[in-house]
Amino acid sequence: MRADGDLVRVEVTAPAEKGRANRAVVEAVADALGVRRSAVEIVAGVTRRDKRIAVRGLDPDRLAERLAALAEGRGEV
């Protein structure tokens, strides 16, 4: 997972069948941001390559800090 401008890019190897890739994306985002998987939800783009994701239970300032760390290339946060 890496920040790229206004986007966060998540690459998974799970196949896009029966929701496997979506579950892998949720898991990757949750792990990178340090939140529970249940706090991450795909709110748009379930069947598309580009997705909009909501993260609950994370203060906006803390989220911005974690995304900035990704953008700076500090790896997982």
C-alpha atoms as a PDB file:
ATOM      1  CA  MET A   1       0.000   0.000   0.000  1.00  0.00           C
ATOM      2  CA  ARG A   2       1.404   3.392  -0.963  1.00  0.00           C
ATOM      3  CA  ALA A   3       0.162   6.933  -1.249  1.00  0.00           C
ATOM      4  CA  ASP A   4       0.273   8.445  -4.726  1.00  0.00           C
ATOM      5  CA  GLY A   5      -0.882  12.066  -4.766  1.00  0.00           C
ATOM      6  CA  ASP A   6      -4.533  12.158  -3.738  1.00  0.00           C
ATOM      7  CA  LEU A   7      -4.832   8.388  -4.099  1.00  0.00           C
ATOM      8  CA  VAL A   8      -3.748   5.401  -2.095  1.00  0.00           C
ATOM      9  CA  ARG A   9      -2.695   2.469  -4.223  1.00  0.00           C
ATOM     10  CA  VAL A  10      -3.286  -1.023  -2.930  1.00  0.00           C
ATOM     11  CA  GLU A  11      -2.082  -4.008  -4.889  1.00  0.00           C
ATOM     12  CA  VAL A  12      -3.286  -7.484  -4.039  1.00  0.00           C
ATOM     13  CA  THR A  13      -2.679 -10.855  -5.618  1.00  0.00           C
ATOM     14  CA  ALA A  14      -6.062 -12.337  -4.733  1.00  0.00           C
ATOM     15  CA  PRO A  15      -8.249 -13.123  -7.739  1.00  0.00           C
ATOM     16  CA  ALA A  16     -11.212 -10.878  -8.468  1.00  0.00           C
ATOM     17  CA  GLU A  17     -13.727 -13.644  -7.959  1.00  0.00           C
ATOM     18  CA  LYS A  18     -16.264 -14.200  -5.199  1.00  0.00           C
ATOM     19  CA  GLY A  19     -15.073 -11.059  -3.393  1.00  0.00           C
ATOM     20  CA  ARG A  20     -11.576 -12.379  -2.688  1.00  0.00           C
ATOM     21  CA  ALA A  21      -9.767  -9.328  -4.055  1.00  0.00           C
ATOM     22  CA  ASN A  22     -12.065  -6.963  -2.158  1.00  0.00           C
ATOM     23  CA  ARG A  23     -11.420  -8.838   1.082  1.00  0.00           C
ATOM     24  CA  ALA A  24      -7.681  -8.639   0.401  1.00  0.00           C
ATOM     25  CA  VAL A  25      -7.938  -4.869  -0.167  1.00  0.00           C
ATOM     26  CA  VAL A  26      -9.849  -4.395   3.104  1.00  0.00           C
ATOM     27  CA  GLU A  27      -7.268  -6.487   4.953  1.00  0.00           C
ATOM     28  CA  ALA A  28      -4.332  -4.566   3.445  1.00  0.00           C
ATOM     29  CA  VAL A  29      -5.851  -1.174   4.259  1.00  0.00           C
ATOM     30  CA  ALA A  30      -6.740  -2.196   7.811  1.00  0.00           C
ATOM     31  CA  ASP A  31      -3.286  -3.618   8.458  1.00  0.00           C
ATOM     32  CA  ALA A  32      -1.494  -0.581   7.020  1.00  0.00           C
ATOM     33  CA  LEU A  33      -3.613   1.868   9.016  1.00  0.00           C
ATOM     34  CA  GLY A  34      -3.617  -0.153  12.213  1.00  0.00           C
ATOM     35  CA  VAL A  35      -7.384  -0.553  12.486  1.00  0.00           C
ATOM     36  CA  ARG A  36      -9.678  -3.553  12.662  1.00  0.00           C
ATOM     37  CA  ARG A  37     -10.841  -5.014   9.397  1.00  0.00           C
ATOM     38  CA  SER A  38     -14.409  -4.322  10.457  1.00  0.00           C
ATOM     39  CA  ALA A  39     -13.536  -0.592  10.481  1.00  0.00           C
ATOM     40  CA  VAL A  40     -12.757  -0.635   6.747  1.00  0.00           C
ATOM     41  CA  GLU A  41     -15.547  -0.704   4.188  1.00  0.00           C
ATOM     42  CA  ILE A  42     -15.597  -0.448   0.417  1.00  0.00           C
ATOM     43  CA  VAL A  43     -18.350   2.121  -0.145  1.00  0.00           C
ATOM     44  CA  ALA A  44     -18.045   2.467  -3.924  1.00  0.00           C
ATOM     45  CA  GLY A  45     -16.467   0.417  -6.671  1.00  0.00           C
ATOM     46  CA  VAL A  46     -17.034  -3.080  -5.338  1.00  0.00           C
ATOM     47  CA  THR A  47     -16.993  -4.447  -8.888  1.00  0.00           C
ATOM     48  CA  ARG A  48     -14.464  -1.943 -10.271  1.00  0.00           C
ATOM     49  CA  ARG A  49     -10.725  -1.588 -10.105  1.00  0.00           C
ATOM     50  CA  ASP A  50     -10.999   1.889  -8.534  1.00  0.00           C
ATOM     51  CA  LYS A  51     -12.662   1.883  -5.137  1.00  0.00           C
ATOM     52  CA  ARG A  52     -13.730   4.367  -2.497  1.00  0.00           C
ATOM     53  CA  ILE A  53     -13.040   3.162   1.023  1.00  0.00           C
ATOM     54  CA  ALA A  54     -14.339   4.401   4.369  1.00  0.00           C
ATOM     55  CA  VAL A  55     -12.303   3.954   7.546  1.00  0.00           C
ATOM     56  CA  ARG A  56     -14.194   4.242  10.825  1.00  0.00           C
ATOM     57  CA  GLY A  57     -12.765   4.789  14.291  1.00  0.00           C
ATOM     58  CA  LEU A  58      -9.619   6.613  13.228  1.00  0.00           C
ATOM     59  CA  ASP A  59      -9.201  10.284  14.043  1.00  0.00           C
ATOM     60  CA  PRO A  60      -8.853  12.325  10.810  1.00  0.00           C
ATOM     61  CA  ASP A  61      -5.535  13.789  11.992  1.00  0.00           C
ATOM     62  CA  ARG A  62      -4.160  10.327  12.749  1.00  0.00           C
ATOM     63  CA  LEU A  63      -5.363   9.070   9.367  1.00  0.00           C
ATOM     64  CA  ALA A  64      -3.611  11.977   7.634  1.00  0.00           C
ATOM     65  CA  GLU A  65      -0.437  11.213   9.591  1.00  0.00           C
ATOM     66  CA  ARG A  66      -0.485   7.571   8.560  1.00  0.00           C
ATOM     67  CA  LEU A  67      -1.151   8.416   4.913  1.00  0.00           C
ATOM     68  CA  ALA A  68       1.681  10.971   4.970  1.00  0.00           C
ATOM     69  CA  ALA A  69       4.018   8.272   6.258  1.00  0.00           C
ATOM     70  CA  LEU A  70       3.043   6.117   3.279  1.00  0.00           C
ATOM     71  CA  ALA A  71       3.626   9.014   0.892  1.00  0.00           C
ATOM     72  CA  GLU A  72       7.084   9.588   2.371  1.00  0.00           C
ATOM     73  CA  GLY A  73       7.951   5.979   1.712  1.00  0.00           C
ATOM     74  CA  ARG A  74       8.271   4.974   5.330  1.00  0.00           C
ATOM     75  CA  GLY A  75       6.644   1.681   4.466  1.00  0.00           C
ATOM     76  CA  GLU A  76       3.872   0.321   6.587  1.00  0.00           C
ATOM     77  CA  VAL A  77       2.601   2.593   9.286  1.00  0.00           C
END
